[in-house]
Amino acid sequence: MRLRNKPGAKETILSYPEYILTDGSDFKGKWQERFSKVQPIHIEVGSGKGQFIVEMAKAHPDINYIGIEMQTNAIISILEKQLIETLPNLQLLLVDGADLTDYFADGEVDQVYLNFSDPWPKTRHEKRRLTFESFLATYEAIAKPKAELHFKTDNQGLFEYSLASVTWYGMTIKKVWLDLHNSNYEGNIMTEYEEKFSSKGQPIYRLEAIFNGKEAV
């Protein structure tokens, strides 16, 4: 969904380089320098307005979080939240999630989150889905061995596709939830979309999968 333009968004982003980067390639392999403590790095690809990544950073001060978003008008909403919270374990990156190997070194990331990604339902758009094999390969390239991918969606078709995609890719499915909010899962932090859809009774699907590494050919 395209967000309404925010006047002065680009200027605001450039005014806070301590919280947000529009490139990030200079910190490839050096992301720990952006944080006050050396801690595990978790990234969210497609952070939207940032409710999830901000609340995760508040709930888990022992983890460093990076919210990655390609829409300027979305990431400015996260920046506005960060300017209020000033969380030392949260950084923002305004880039395309398909190019993460340009911004992160091999094995630099401990965990990847995908929340309510665009389902791209048409077959001809399959390669744009964030659980398509090329995206999974990108996440694996920047992730530590046995890193986890956590995925949530309200879209049953995308969830079924993603289950098949991570399985075909060779990942181990750790756990699956077919109705997250009617399960015994504890510590769930919702996104804006999740609040909206779950309030209407829509089931929320979630999976956790582990990267196992590719065998040399």
Protein backbone atom coordinates (compact mmCIF):
# COMPACT_ATOMS: atom_id res chain seq x y z
CA MET A 1 0.00 0.00 0.00
CA ARG A 2 1.36 3.40 -0.97
CA LEU A 3 1.46 5.83 1.92
CA ARG A 4 0.58 9.51 1.81
CA ASN A 5 3.57 11.74 1.20
CA LYS A 6 4.98 13.41 4.28
CA PRO A 7 6.25 16.94 3.65
CA GLY A 8 9.96 17.26 4.35
CA ALA A 9 10.46 13.52 4.81
CA LYS A 10 13.75 13.34 2.92
CA GLU A 11 15.13 16.35 4.73
CA THR A 12 14.14 14.85 8.09
CA ILE A 13 15.85 11.57 7.25
CA LEU A 14 19.07 13.33 6.32
CA SER A 15 18.93 15.28 9.58
CA TYR A 16 19.26 12.15 11.74
CA PRO A 17 22.19 10.10 10.40
CA GLU A 18 22.71 8.63 13.87
CA TYR A 19 19.42 6.71 13.53
CA ILE A 20 18.89 6.14 9.82
CA LEU A 21 20.98 5.47 6.73
CA THR A 22 19.97 5.73 3.08
CA ASP A 23 22.82 3.54 1.88
CA GLY A 24 24.57 1.54 4.58
CA SER A 25 27.30 0.08 2.38
CA ASP A 26 29.92 1.91 4.45
CA PHE A 27 28.88 -0.19 7.44
CA LYS A 28 28.94 -3.56 5.68
CA GLY A 29 30.61 -5.87 8.18
CA LYS A 30 30.69 -3.07 10.77
CA TRP A 31 27.07 -2.72 11.88
CA GLN A 32 27.97 -3.25 15.50
CA GLU A 33 29.63 0.18 15.38
CA ARG A 34 26.17 1.71 14.96
CA PHE A 35 25.06 0.43 18.36
CA SER A 36 26.06 1.20 21.93
CA LYS A 37 26.69 -2.50 22.70
CA VAL A 38 27.90 -5.50 20.72
CA GLN A 39 24.85 -7.80 20.69
CA PRO A 40 23.10 -10.20 18.29
CA ILE A 41 21.72 -8.41 15.22
CA HIS A 42 18.14 -9.05 14.12
CA ILE A 43 16.73 -7.45 10.97
CA GLU A 44 13.18 -6.91 9.78
CA VAL A 45 12.83 -6.74 6.00
CA GLY A 46 9.88 -4.51 5.14
CA SER A 47 9.27 -2.71 8.43
CA GLY A 48 6.33 -0.59 7.30
CA LYS A 49 5.45 2.02 9.92
CA GLY A 50 7.64 0.28 12.47
CA GLN A 51 5.40 -0.78 15.32
CA PHE A 52 6.92 -4.28 15.40
CA ILE A 53 10.60 -3.32 15.21
CA VAL A 54 10.25 -0.49 17.76
CA GLU A 55 8.37 -2.63 20.26
CA MET A 56 10.82 -5.51 19.77
CA ALA A 57 13.73 -3.18 20.50
CA LYS A 58 11.98 -1.96 23.65
CA ALA A 59 11.15 -5.49 24.81
CA HIS A 60 14.60 -6.97 24.08
CA PRO A 61 17.36 -4.50 24.97
CA ASP A 62 19.91 -7.33 24.70
CA ILE A 63 19.40 -7.53 20.92
CA ASN A 64 20.34 -4.97 18.26
CA TYR A 65 17.60 -4.40 15.68
CA ILE A 66 17.71 -2.98 12.17
CA GLY A 67 14.47 -2.02 10.44
CA ILE A 68 14.76 -2.17 6.65
CA GLU A 69 12.21 -0.40 4.50
CA MET A 70 12.27 0.91 0.92
CA GLN A 71 9.37 3.38 1.14
CA THR A 72 10.44 6.80 2.38
CA ASN A 73 7.00 7.64 3.74
CA ALA A 74 6.92 4.42 5.76
CA ILE A 75 10.38 4.65 7.26
CA ILE A 76 9.82 8.26 8.29
CA SER A 77 7.07 6.94 10.57
CA ILE A 78 9.59 4.62 12.22
CA LEU A 79 12.07 7.46 12.56
CA GLU A 80 9.41 9.58 14.27
CA LYS A 81 8.86 6.78 16.80
CA GLN A 82 12.60 6.44 17.35
CA LEU A 83 12.98 10.17 17.94
CA ILE A 84 10.55 9.73 20.84
CA GLU A 85 12.00 6.49 22.20
CA THR A 86 15.74 7.07 21.37
CA LEU A 87 16.40 3.32 21.60
CA PRO A 88 20.14 2.57 21.58
CA ASN A 89 19.52 -0.87 20.03
CA LEU A 90 17.55 0.28 16.98
CA GLN A 91 18.84 1.41 13.59
CA LEU A 92 16.98 2.07 10.33
CA LEU A 93 18.01 1.44 6.74
CA LEU A 94 16.20 2.92 3.73
CA VAL A 95 17.06 0.43 0.97
CA ASP A 96 15.59 -2.32 -1.20
CA GLY A 97 15.50 -5.66 0.62
CA ALA A 98 16.65 -7.44 -2.53
CA ASP A 99 20.09 -5.83 -2.22
CA LEU A 100 20.99 -6.78 1.35
CA THR A 101 24.32 -8.33 0.41
CA ASP A 102 25.42 -4.82 -0.56
CA TYR A 103 24.90 -3.67 3.03
CA PHE A 104 25.65 -6.69 5.22
CA ALA A 105 28.68 -8.96 5.33
CA ASP A 106 28.45 -12.76 5.27
CA GLY A 107 27.29 -14.03 8.65
CA GLU A 108 26.60 -10.59 10.11
CA VAL A 109 22.92 -11.17 10.94
CA ASP A 110 21.55 -13.47 13.64
CA GLN A 111 17.86 -13.49 12.73
CA VAL A 112 15.50 -12.28 9.98
CA TYR A 113 11.87 -11.18 10.36
CA LEU A 114 9.31 -10.91 7.57
CA ASN A 115 5.97 -9.48 8.67
CA PHE A 116 2.88 -9.10 6.48
CA SER A 117 4.86 -8.87 3.27
CA ASP A 118 3.12 -8.01 0.00
CA PRO A 119 1.67 -11.36 -1.21
CA TRP A 120 2.15 -10.62 -4.92
CA PRO A 121 -0.60 -13.16 -5.73
CA LYS A 122 -0.14 -13.28 -9.51
CA THR A 123 2.14 -16.07 -10.73
CA ARG A 124 4.13 -13.71 -12.93
CA HIS A 125 5.09 -11.75 -9.80
CA GLU A 126 6.36 -14.78 -7.85
CA LYS A 127 9.96 -13.53 -7.86
CA ARG A 128 8.89 -10.42 -5.93
CA ARG A 129 7.65 -12.41 -2.92
CA LEU A 130 10.02 -12.03 0.01
CA THR A 131 10.05 -15.79 0.53
CA PHE A 132 11.02 -16.55 -3.07
CA GLU A 133 14.24 -18.57 -3.35
CA SER A 134 16.41 -15.63 -4.44
CA PHE A 135 15.39 -13.68 -1.33
CA LEU A 136 16.00 -16.72 0.88
CA ALA A 137 19.49 -17.02 -0.64
CA THR A 138 20.13 -13.35 0.15
CA TYR A 139 19.06 -13.76 3.77
CA GLU A 140 21.18 -16.88 4.13
CA ALA A 141 24.23 -15.14 2.68
CA ILE A 142 24.20 -12.46 5.38
CA ALA A 143 23.05 -14.72 8.21
CA LYS A 144 25.07 -16.72 10.69
CA PRO A 145 24.97 -20.54 10.42
CA LYS A 146 21.68 -21.91 11.74
CA ALA A 147 20.12 -18.43 11.83
CA GLU A 148 16.34 -18.33 11.93
CA LEU A 149 13.71 -16.77 9.68
CA HIS A 150 10.48 -15.72 11.40
CA PHE A 151 7.52 -15.01 9.12
CA LYS A 152 3.98 -13.74 9.81
CA THR A 153 1.09 -13.04 7.48
CA ASP A 154 -2.68 -12.94 7.29
CA ASN A 155 -2.59 -14.26 3.71
CA GLN A 156 -3.19 -18.01 3.58
CA GLY A 157 -1.98 -18.33 0.00
CA LEU A 158 1.32 -16.58 0.75
CA PHE A 159 1.75 -18.66 3.89
CA GLU A 160 1.26 -21.93 2.01
CA TYR A 161 3.65 -20.74 -0.69
CA SER A 162 6.23 -19.75 1.91
CA LEU A 163 6.03 -23.11 3.68
CA ALA A 164 6.70 -24.83 0.37
CA SER A 165 9.45 -22.35 -0.57
CA VAL A 166 11.48 -22.67 2.64
CA THR A 167 11.10 -26.46 2.54
CA TRP A 168 12.24 -26.68 -1.07
CA TYR A 169 15.13 -24.37 -0.27
CA GLY A 170 16.35 -26.86 2.32
CA MET A 171 15.46 -25.04 5.53
CA THR A 172 14.23 -26.84 8.63
CA ILE A 173 10.77 -25.76 9.73
CA LYS A 174 11.00 -25.29 13.48
CA LYS A 175 7.38 -24.48 14.23
CA VAL A 176 4.16 -23.44 12.49
CA TRP A 177 1.11 -21.56 13.77
CA LEU A 178 -2.10 -21.63 11.73
CA ASP A 179 -3.99 -19.33 14.12
CA LEU A 180 -1.40 -17.48 16.18
CA HIS A 181 -3.79 -15.46 18.33
CA ASN A 182 -5.70 -18.56 19.41
CA SER A 183 -2.55 -20.45 20.36
CA ASN A 184 -0.40 -20.59 23.48
CA TYR A 185 2.37 -18.50 21.88
CA GLU A 186 3.72 -15.97 24.37
CA GLY A 187 5.45 -12.67 23.77
CA ASN A 188 3.86 -11.88 20.42
CA ILE A 189 4.42 -8.29 19.29
CA MET A 190 1.95 -7.16 16.66
CA THR A 191 2.41 -5.02 13.59
CA GLU A 192 -0.13 -2.40 12.57
CA TYR A 193 -1.55 -4.78 9.95
CA GLU A 194 -1.75 -7.60 12.48
CA GLU A 195 -3.84 -5.49 14.85
CA LYS A 196 -6.17 -4.57 12.01
CA PHE A 197 -6.68 -8.05 10.60
CA SER A 198 -6.82 -9.94 13.90
CA SER A 199 -9.46 -7.53 15.24
CA LYS A 200 -11.67 -8.67 12.36
CA GLY A 201 -11.22 -12.32 13.28
CA GLN A 202 -8.71 -13.05 10.52
CA PRO A 203 -6.33 -15.88 11.53
CA ILE A 204 -2.66 -14.92 11.65
CA TYR A 205 -0.18 -17.45 10.27
CA ARG A 206 3.38 -17.73 11.57
CA LEU A 207 6.40 -19.91 10.94
CA GLU A 208 9.93 -20.22 12.22
CA ALA A 209 12.51 -21.86 9.95
CA ILE A 210 16.25 -22.49 10.24
CA PHE A 211 18.87 -22.02 7.56
CA ASN A 212 20.91 -25.20 7.25
CA GLY A 213 23.59 -24.02 4.82
CA LYS A 214 24.12 -25.06 1.22
CA GLU A 215 26.35 -27.97 0.39
CA ALA A 216 29.25 -27.25 -1.93
CA VAL A 217 28.69 -28.49 -5.47
